[in-house]
Every structure is written in C-alpha cells, then in structure tokens.
Amino acid sequence: MAGKASGKPRLLSGGNPQIPKGDGDAPVQAYLDAMPEWKREVGLALDDLIVRTVPDVRKAVRWNSPFYGIEGNGWFLSFHCFTRSVKVTWLNGSSLDPLPPGESKHERVRYLDIHEDDKLDEKLIATWIGQAAELPGDELV
C-alpha cells in the first residue's frame, strides 16, 4: 500500500502517523496503534479517558489527528504527535475552567502539551473533557 512500510502507516514529522481521513473508532484506533514509542501510551490513555468520560463520543481522523466530538454539537478535542510531546488541542478551550495552559492564536483554542516523563493528571483532564463535551464545538473539520 502506498505510504506504508511493513504494513504500518508512515510516520510524518515529529512521529505523527499518516492516517487517511475517516469517521468512527477504526481510523482512531489505527492512529493510536501507529503512534511511536511512549506517545502510544499517552494516546491510548487519552482515548480511554475520553471514552470513559463521554461514553457517546463521536470519533474521526482529520489532518492526521484523532478528533473527538458530540453528534450535532461539533468537535471538542484532538491531539497530534510532535517530536517531544503529544499536543492536546481543546477546540473550545478558552471556556474551560481552569484554562488549559497553552495559548493559541485562535481565540477559542487552548493546548496541553504532554511530554515523555509527564504524569497525566487524569482528574483534571477528565474535568476538561466533561466541560468541553458540553460546550459548542467546532464543525469545521
């Protein structure tokens, strides 16, 4: 298959898996399976936490990133592999309390960078997930 070596998706800059656009859990699982090294553990933990917090979450892959949303309410979260971090994008993050730490040039967006040795604050992240899922999301993806 084009773009694949040994049956695995090609890794783009920063180790981000190249996964075709698709809706549902299958393309998200393909992305998670292809995440390199420690980043895969972070991705699996995020996906699990999102599903536990929002059982009816909608999933898709867009722009080589998994997206999570609520049907009819838009997308609220995505993440992406970079060389030294997994960047969680809160698409409505400026409305979360407390604010996620990373600022964006986009007024509504906030970020959380997770590095290799970081311990996930599951309680805080679950709080953000729950809040974000209840707010209007982004339908542009």
N, C-alpha and C. Protein backbone atom coordinates (compact mmCIF):
# COMPACT_ATOMS: atom_id res chain seq x y z
N MET A 1 0.85 -1.18 0.00
CA MET A 1 0.00 0.00 0.00
C MET A 1 0.89 1.24 0.00
N ALA A 2 0.56 2.23 -0.77
CA ALA A 2 1.37 3.44 -0.86
C ALA A 2 1.49 4.13 0.48
N GLY A 3 2.69 4.62 0.79
CA GLY A 3 2.91 5.35 2.02
C GLY A 3 3.12 4.47 3.23
N LYS A 4 3.15 3.15 3.03
CA LYS A 4 3.33 2.25 4.16
C LYS A 4 4.58 1.41 3.97
N ALA A 5 5.24 1.13 5.07
CA ALA A 5 6.36 0.21 5.09
C ALA A 5 6.02 -0.86 6.10
N SER A 6 6.19 -2.10 5.74
CA SER A 6 5.90 -3.22 6.64
C SER A 6 4.45 -3.21 7.12
N GLY A 7 3.53 -2.69 6.32
CA GLY A 7 2.12 -2.69 6.70
C GLY A 7 1.74 -1.64 7.72
N LYS A 8 2.68 -0.81 8.15
CA LYS A 8 2.38 0.22 9.14
C LYS A 8 2.29 1.58 8.46
N PRO A 9 1.44 2.46 9.00
CA PRO A 9 1.35 3.81 8.42
C PRO A 9 2.68 4.54 8.51
N ARG A 10 2.93 5.37 7.54
CA ARG A 10 4.12 6.21 7.52
C ARG A 10 4.05 7.21 8.66
N LEU A 11 5.20 7.47 9.29
CA LEU A 11 5.27 8.50 10.32
C LEU A 11 5.74 9.80 9.68
N LEU A 12 4.99 10.83 9.91
CA LEU A 12 5.30 12.15 9.39
C LEU A 12 6.21 12.88 10.37
N SER A 13 6.46 14.12 10.13
CA SER A 13 7.29 14.95 11.00
C SER A 13 6.87 14.81 12.46
N GLY A 14 7.85 14.65 13.34
CA GLY A 14 7.59 14.54 14.76
C GLY A 14 7.06 13.18 15.19
N GLY A 15 6.98 12.24 14.23
CA GLY A 15 6.46 10.91 14.55
C GLY A 15 4.95 10.82 14.49
N ASN A 16 4.30 11.76 13.83
CA ASN A 16 2.84 11.72 13.73
C ASN A 16 2.42 10.73 12.64
N PRO A 17 1.55 9.77 12.98
CA PRO A 17 1.12 8.79 11.98
C PRO A 17 0.30 9.41 10.86
N GLN A 18 0.56 8.95 9.63
CA GLN A 18 -0.22 9.39 8.48
C GLN A 18 -1.39 8.43 8.31
N ILE A 19 -2.56 8.88 8.71
CA ILE A 19 -3.78 8.07 8.68
C ILE A 19 -4.80 8.77 7.79
N PRO A 20 -5.40 8.04 6.85
CA PRO A 20 -6.41 8.66 5.99
C PRO A 20 -7.60 9.18 6.78
N LYS A 21 -8.20 10.24 6.25
CA LYS A 21 -9.41 10.80 6.84
C LYS A 21 -10.47 9.71 6.94
N GLY A 22 -11.14 9.65 8.09
CA GLY A 22 -12.19 8.66 8.26
C GLY A 22 -12.99 8.93 9.52
N ASP A 23 -14.22 8.43 9.53
CA ASP A 23 -15.11 8.59 10.68
C ASP A 23 -15.22 7.29 11.45
N GLY A 24 -15.40 7.41 12.77
CA GLY A 24 -15.60 6.25 13.61
C GLY A 24 -14.36 5.86 14.39
N ASP A 25 -14.50 4.78 15.14
CA ASP A 25 -13.42 4.32 16.01
C ASP A 25 -12.26 3.70 15.24
N ALA A 26 -12.51 3.02 14.12
CA ALA A 26 -11.45 2.29 13.40
C ALA A 26 -10.28 3.19 12.98
N PRO A 27 -10.51 4.33 12.34
CA PRO A 27 -9.36 5.16 11.97
C PRO A 27 -8.62 5.72 13.19
N VAL A 28 -9.36 5.99 14.27
CA VAL A 28 -8.72 6.47 15.50
C VAL A 28 -7.85 5.37 16.08
N GLN A 29 -8.35 4.12 16.09
CA GLN A 29 -7.55 3.01 16.59
C GLN A 29 -6.32 2.79 15.72
N ALA A 30 -6.44 2.96 14.41
CA ALA A 30 -5.28 2.84 13.51
C ALA A 30 -4.24 3.90 13.87
N TYR A 31 -4.69 5.12 14.16
CA TYR A 31 -3.78 6.19 14.57
C TYR A 31 -3.08 5.80 15.88
N LEU A 32 -3.86 5.38 16.87
CA LEU A 32 -3.29 5.02 18.18
C LEU A 32 -2.28 3.89 18.03
N ASP A 33 -2.61 2.87 17.24
CA ASP A 33 -1.71 1.74 17.04
C ASP A 33 -0.39 2.15 16.38
N ALA A 34 -0.44 3.19 15.57
CA ALA A 34 0.74 3.64 14.84
C ALA A 34 1.57 4.68 15.58
N MET A 35 1.05 5.20 16.69
CA MET A 35 1.82 6.20 17.45
C MET A 35 3.12 5.58 17.93
N PRO A 36 4.25 6.29 17.79
CA PRO A 36 5.53 5.70 18.16
C PRO A 36 5.82 5.78 19.66
N GLU A 37 6.54 4.76 20.14
CA GLU A 37 7.17 4.74 21.46
C GLU A 37 6.19 5.14 22.57
N TRP A 38 6.65 6.01 23.47
CA TRP A 38 5.89 6.44 24.65
C TRP A 38 4.61 7.20 24.27
N LYS A 39 4.60 7.78 23.08
CA LYS A 39 3.44 8.57 22.65
C LYS A 39 2.19 7.68 22.52
N ARG A 40 2.40 6.41 22.16
CA ARG A 40 1.27 5.48 22.04
C ARG A 40 0.58 5.31 23.39
N GLU A 41 1.34 5.18 24.45
CA GLU A 41 0.75 5.05 25.79
C GLU A 41 -0.08 6.28 26.14
N VAL A 42 0.43 7.46 25.79
CA VAL A 42 -0.31 8.70 26.05
C VAL A 42 -1.60 8.71 25.23
N GLY A 43 -1.51 8.37 23.95
CA GLY A 43 -2.69 8.36 23.10
C GLY A 43 -3.74 7.37 23.58
N LEU A 44 -3.31 6.17 23.97
CA LEU A 44 -4.25 5.17 24.48
C LEU A 44 -4.91 5.64 25.78
N ALA A 45 -4.12 6.26 26.65
CA ALA A 45 -4.66 6.77 27.92
C ALA A 45 -5.67 7.89 27.66
N LEU A 46 -5.36 8.79 26.73
CA LEU A 46 -6.30 9.87 26.40
C LEU A 46 -7.59 9.31 25.82
N ASP A 47 -7.46 8.39 24.86
CA ASP A 47 -8.65 7.81 24.24
C ASP A 47 -9.52 7.11 25.29
N ASP A 48 -8.91 6.34 26.16
CA ASP A 48 -9.65 5.65 27.22
C ASP A 48 -10.35 6.64 28.15
N LEU A 49 -9.65 7.69 28.54
CA LEU A 49 -10.22 8.69 29.44
C LEU A 49 -11.39 9.43 28.77
N ILE A 50 -11.23 9.73 27.49
CA ILE A 50 -12.31 10.41 26.75
C ILE A 50 -13.55 9.52 26.70
N VAL A 51 -13.37 8.24 26.36
CA VAL A 51 -14.50 7.32 26.24
C VAL A 51 -15.16 7.08 27.60
N ARG A 52 -14.36 6.99 28.66
CA ARG A 52 -14.95 6.81 30.00
C ARG A 52 -15.72 8.04 30.45
N THR A 53 -15.22 9.23 30.07
CA THR A 53 -15.86 10.48 30.49
C THR A 53 -17.07 10.82 29.63
N VAL A 54 -17.00 10.51 28.35
CA VAL A 54 -18.08 10.82 27.40
C VAL A 54 -18.38 9.55 26.59
N PRO A 55 -19.17 8.65 27.16
CA PRO A 55 -19.41 7.35 26.51
C PRO A 55 -19.99 7.43 25.09
N ASP A 56 -20.74 8.48 24.78
CA ASP A 56 -21.32 8.62 23.45
C ASP A 56 -20.49 9.49 22.52
N VAL A 57 -19.18 9.57 22.80
CA VAL A 57 -18.29 10.42 22.00
C VAL A 57 -18.25 9.96 20.54
N ARG A 58 -18.16 10.92 19.67
CA ARG A 58 -18.01 10.69 18.23
C ARG A 58 -16.53 10.80 17.92
N LYS A 59 -15.99 9.90 17.08
CA LYS A 59 -14.57 9.89 16.76
C LYS A 59 -14.36 9.99 15.25
N ALA A 60 -13.22 10.58 14.88
CA ALA A 60 -12.82 10.66 13.48
C ALA A 60 -11.34 10.97 13.40
N VAL A 61 -10.77 10.79 12.22
CA VAL A 61 -9.41 11.25 11.94
C VAL A 61 -9.51 12.30 10.85
N ARG A 62 -8.92 13.45 11.12
CA ARG A 62 -8.82 14.55 10.17
C ARG A 62 -7.40 15.09 10.26
N TRP A 63 -6.82 15.45 9.14
CA TRP A 63 -5.48 16.05 9.11
C TRP A 63 -4.48 15.24 9.94
N ASN A 64 -4.55 13.91 9.82
CA ASN A 64 -3.63 13.00 10.53
C ASN A 64 -3.69 13.18 12.04
N SER A 65 -4.87 13.46 12.57
CA SER A 65 -5.07 13.60 14.01
C SER A 65 -6.43 13.04 14.40
N PRO A 66 -6.52 12.36 15.54
CA PRO A 66 -7.83 11.92 16.01
C PRO A 66 -8.62 13.12 16.56
N PHE A 67 -9.91 13.14 16.26
CA PHE A 67 -10.81 14.17 16.75
C PHE A 67 -11.94 13.51 17.53
N TYR A 68 -12.41 14.21 18.56
CA TYR A 68 -13.48 13.72 19.42
C TYR A 68 -14.54 14.80 19.51
N GLY A 69 -15.81 14.39 19.42
CA GLY A 69 -16.89 15.36 19.47
C GLY A 69 -18.19 14.72 19.89
N ILE A 70 -19.22 15.54 19.85
CA ILE A 70 -20.57 15.12 20.17
C ILE A 70 -21.43 15.35 18.93
N GLU A 71 -22.15 14.32 18.52
CA GLU A 71 -23.02 14.42 17.35
C GLU A 71 -23.93 15.64 17.50
N GLY A 72 -23.94 16.50 16.49
CA GLY A 72 -24.77 17.69 16.49
C GLY A 72 -24.21 18.86 17.29
N ASN A 73 -23.10 18.64 17.98
CA ASN A 73 -22.51 19.70 18.81
C ASN A 73 -21.07 20.03 18.42
N GLY A 74 -20.52 19.34 17.45
CA GLY A 74 -19.18 19.65 16.97
C GLY A 74 -18.08 18.91 17.71
N TRP A 75 -16.86 19.19 17.28
CA TRP A 75 -15.64 18.57 17.82
C TRP A 75 -15.12 19.41 18.98
N PHE A 76 -14.68 18.74 20.05
CA PHE A 76 -14.17 19.48 21.19
C PHE A 76 -12.70 19.23 21.48
N LEU A 77 -12.09 18.18 20.93
CA LEU A 77 -10.72 17.85 21.27
C LEU A 77 -10.06 17.08 20.13
N SER A 78 -8.76 17.31 19.96
CA SER A 78 -7.94 16.49 19.07
C SER A 78 -6.55 16.41 19.69
N PHE A 79 -5.73 15.51 19.17
CA PHE A 79 -4.32 15.51 19.58
C PHE A 79 -3.45 15.11 18.41
N HIS A 80 -2.14 15.39 18.56
CA HIS A 80 -1.20 15.27 17.46
C HIS A 80 0.18 15.00 18.04
N CYS A 81 0.93 14.12 17.39
CA CYS A 81 2.30 13.82 17.84
C CYS A 81 3.29 14.85 17.32
N PHE A 82 4.12 15.35 18.20
CA PHE A 82 5.26 16.18 17.85
C PHE A 82 6.51 15.47 18.35
N THR A 83 7.67 15.96 17.99
CA THR A 83 8.92 15.29 18.34
C THR A 83 9.04 15.03 19.84
N ARG A 84 8.75 16.01 20.66
CA ARG A 84 8.95 15.89 22.11
C ARG A 84 7.67 15.88 22.93
N SER A 85 6.51 15.87 22.25
CA SER A 85 5.26 15.92 23.01
C SER A 85 4.09 15.39 22.20
N VAL A 86 3.01 15.13 22.91
CA VAL A 86 1.70 14.93 22.31
C VAL A 86 0.92 16.18 22.68
N LYS A 87 0.46 16.90 21.66
CA LYS A 87 -0.26 18.16 21.88
C LYS A 87 -1.75 17.90 21.82
N VAL A 88 -2.42 18.15 22.95
CA VAL A 88 -3.88 18.04 23.02
C VAL A 88 -4.43 19.43 22.68
N THR A 89 -5.34 19.46 21.73
CA THR A 89 -5.98 20.70 21.31
C THR A 89 -7.41 20.72 21.82
N TRP A 90 -7.70 21.69 22.64
CA TRP A 90 -9.06 21.90 23.15
C TRP A 90 -9.70 22.94 22.24
N LEU A 91 -10.59 22.51 21.35
CA LEU A 91 -11.14 23.41 20.34
C LEU A 91 -12.03 24.49 20.93
N ASN A 92 -12.54 24.28 22.14
CA ASN A 92 -13.32 25.30 22.85
C ASN A 92 -12.67 25.59 24.21
N GLY A 93 -11.35 25.48 24.24
CA GLY A 93 -10.59 25.55 25.49
C GLY A 93 -10.64 26.86 26.24
N SER A 94 -10.95 27.96 25.57
CA SER A 94 -11.00 29.25 26.27
C SER A 94 -12.19 29.33 27.22
N SER A 95 -13.11 28.35 27.12
CA SER A 95 -14.28 28.32 28.00
C SER A 95 -14.11 27.32 29.15
N LEU A 96 -12.97 26.65 29.23
CA LEU A 96 -12.76 25.65 30.27
C LEU A 96 -12.24 26.29 31.55
N ASP A 97 -12.55 25.67 32.68
CA ASP A 97 -12.13 26.19 33.98
C ASP A 97 -11.53 25.04 34.79
N PRO A 98 -10.26 25.14 35.15
CA PRO A 98 -9.31 26.19 34.80
C PRO A 98 -8.90 26.09 33.33
N LEU A 99 -8.32 27.15 32.82
CA LEU A 99 -7.89 27.16 31.42
C LEU A 99 -6.74 26.18 31.22
N PRO A 100 -6.77 25.39 30.14
CA PRO A 100 -5.58 24.62 29.78
C PRO A 100 -4.41 25.59 29.56
N PRO A 101 -3.19 25.18 29.87
CA PRO A 101 -2.06 26.12 29.94
C PRO A 101 -1.60 26.73 28.63
N GLY A 102 -1.74 26.03 27.51
CA GLY A 102 -1.17 26.53 26.26
C GLY A 102 -2.09 27.47 25.52
N GLU A 103 -1.57 28.65 25.21
CA GLU A 103 -2.33 29.64 24.46
C GLU A 103 -2.25 29.37 22.97
N SER A 104 -3.18 29.92 22.22
CA SER A 104 -3.24 29.76 20.77
C SER A 104 -3.50 31.11 20.13
N LYS A 105 -3.15 31.22 18.85
CA LYS A 105 -3.51 32.44 18.12
C LYS A 105 -5.00 32.46 17.80
N HIS A 106 -5.66 31.29 17.94
CA HIS A 106 -7.11 31.20 17.75
C HIS A 106 -7.79 31.46 19.09
N GLU A 107 -8.72 32.37 19.12
CA GLU A 107 -9.34 32.86 20.35
C GLU A 107 -9.93 31.75 21.23
N ARG A 108 -10.57 30.76 20.63
CA ARG A 108 -11.26 29.72 21.42
C ARG A 108 -10.36 28.55 21.80
N VAL A 109 -9.24 28.38 21.13
CA VAL A 109 -8.40 27.19 21.27
C VAL A 109 -7.38 27.34 22.40
N ARG A 110 -7.20 26.24 23.14
CA ARG A 110 -6.13 26.14 24.15
C ARG A 110 -5.45 24.79 23.97
N TYR A 111 -4.22 24.67 24.48
CA TYR A 111 -3.44 23.46 24.30
C TYR A 111 -2.95 22.89 25.63
N LEU A 112 -2.65 21.60 25.60
CA LEU A 112 -1.96 20.92 26.69
C LEU A 112 -0.89 20.06 26.04
N ASP A 113 0.38 20.33 26.34
CA ASP A 113 1.48 19.53 25.82
C ASP A 113 1.85 18.48 26.86
N ILE A 114 1.87 17.22 26.43
CA ILE A 114 2.23 16.11 27.30
C ILE A 114 3.57 15.57 26.83
N HIS A 115 4.55 15.58 27.72
CA HIS A 115 5.91 15.13 27.41
C HIS A 115 6.15 13.73 27.96
N GLU A 116 7.24 13.11 27.54
CA GLU A 116 7.52 11.72 27.84
C GLU A 116 7.45 11.38 29.32
N ASP A 117 8.00 12.20 30.17
CA ASP A 117 8.05 11.88 31.60
C ASP A 117 6.91 12.50 32.41
N ASP A 118 5.95 13.13 31.73
CA ASP A 118 4.82 13.73 32.44
C ASP A 118 3.87 12.65 32.94
N LYS A 119 3.34 12.87 34.12
CA LYS A 119 2.28 12.01 34.65
C LYS A 119 0.96 12.70 34.31
N LEU A 120 0.05 11.96 33.67
CA LEU A 120 -1.24 12.56 33.31
C LEU A 120 -2.05 12.85 34.57
N ASP A 121 -2.54 14.06 34.66
CA ASP A 121 -3.46 14.43 35.73
C ASP A 121 -4.86 14.06 35.23
N GLU A 122 -5.21 12.77 35.41
CA GLU A 122 -6.46 12.27 34.85
C GLU A 122 -7.67 13.00 35.38
N LYS A 123 -7.65 13.38 36.64
CA LYS A 123 -8.80 14.08 37.22
C LYS A 123 -9.02 15.42 36.52
N LEU A 124 -7.94 16.19 36.34
CA LEU A 124 -8.05 17.49 35.67
C LEU A 124 -8.44 17.32 34.20
N ILE A 125 -7.78 16.39 33.52
CA ILE A 125 -8.09 16.18 32.11
C ILE A 125 -9.54 15.72 31.93
N ALA A 126 -10.02 14.83 32.81
CA ALA A 126 -11.41 14.38 32.75
C ALA A 126 -12.37 15.55 32.98
N THR A 127 -12.00 16.45 33.89
CA THR A 127 -12.83 17.64 34.12
C THR A 127 -12.92 18.47 32.85
N TRP A 128 -11.78 18.69 32.19
CA TRP A 128 -11.78 19.44 30.94
C TRP A 128 -12.59 18.72 29.87
N ILE A 129 -12.43 17.39 29.77
CA ILE A 129 -13.17 16.62 28.77
C ILE A 129 -14.67 16.78 28.99
N GLY A 130 -15.11 16.62 30.23
CA GLY A 130 -16.53 16.75 30.55
C GLY A 130 -17.07 18.13 30.22
N GLN A 131 -16.33 19.17 30.59
CA GLN A 131 -16.76 20.53 30.28
C GLN A 131 -16.81 20.75 28.78
N ALA A 132 -15.74 20.35 28.08
CA ALA A 132 -15.61 20.59 26.64
C ALA A 132 -16.73 19.90 25.87
N ALA A 133 -17.09 18.68 26.30
CA ALA A 133 -18.13 17.92 25.61
C ALA A 133 -19.50 18.59 25.71
N GLU A 134 -19.71 19.39 26.74
CA GLU A 134 -21.00 20.06 26.93
C GLU A 134 -21.08 21.41 26.23
N LEU A 135 -19.95 21.93 25.80
CA LEU A 135 -19.92 23.23 25.14
C LEU A 135 -20.06 23.07 23.63
N PRO A 136 -20.49 24.12 22.95
CA PRO A 136 -20.49 24.05 21.48
C PRO A 136 -19.07 23.81 20.97
N GLY A 137 -18.95 22.87 20.05
CA GLY A 137 -17.65 22.52 19.48
C GLY A 137 -17.43 23.17 18.13
N ASP A 138 -16.49 22.62 17.39
CA ASP A 138 -16.10 23.14 16.08
C ASP A 138 -16.59 22.17 15.01
N GLU A 139 -17.37 22.64 14.07
CA GLU A 139 -17.88 21.80 12.98
C GLU A 139 -17.04 21.92 11.71
N LEU A 140 -15.93 22.62 11.77
CA LEU A 140 -15.17 22.91 10.57
C LEU A 140 -14.27 21.76 10.12
N VAL A 141 -14.27 20.66 10.82
CA VAL A 141 -13.37 19.56 10.45
C VAL A 141 -14.09 18.40 9.83
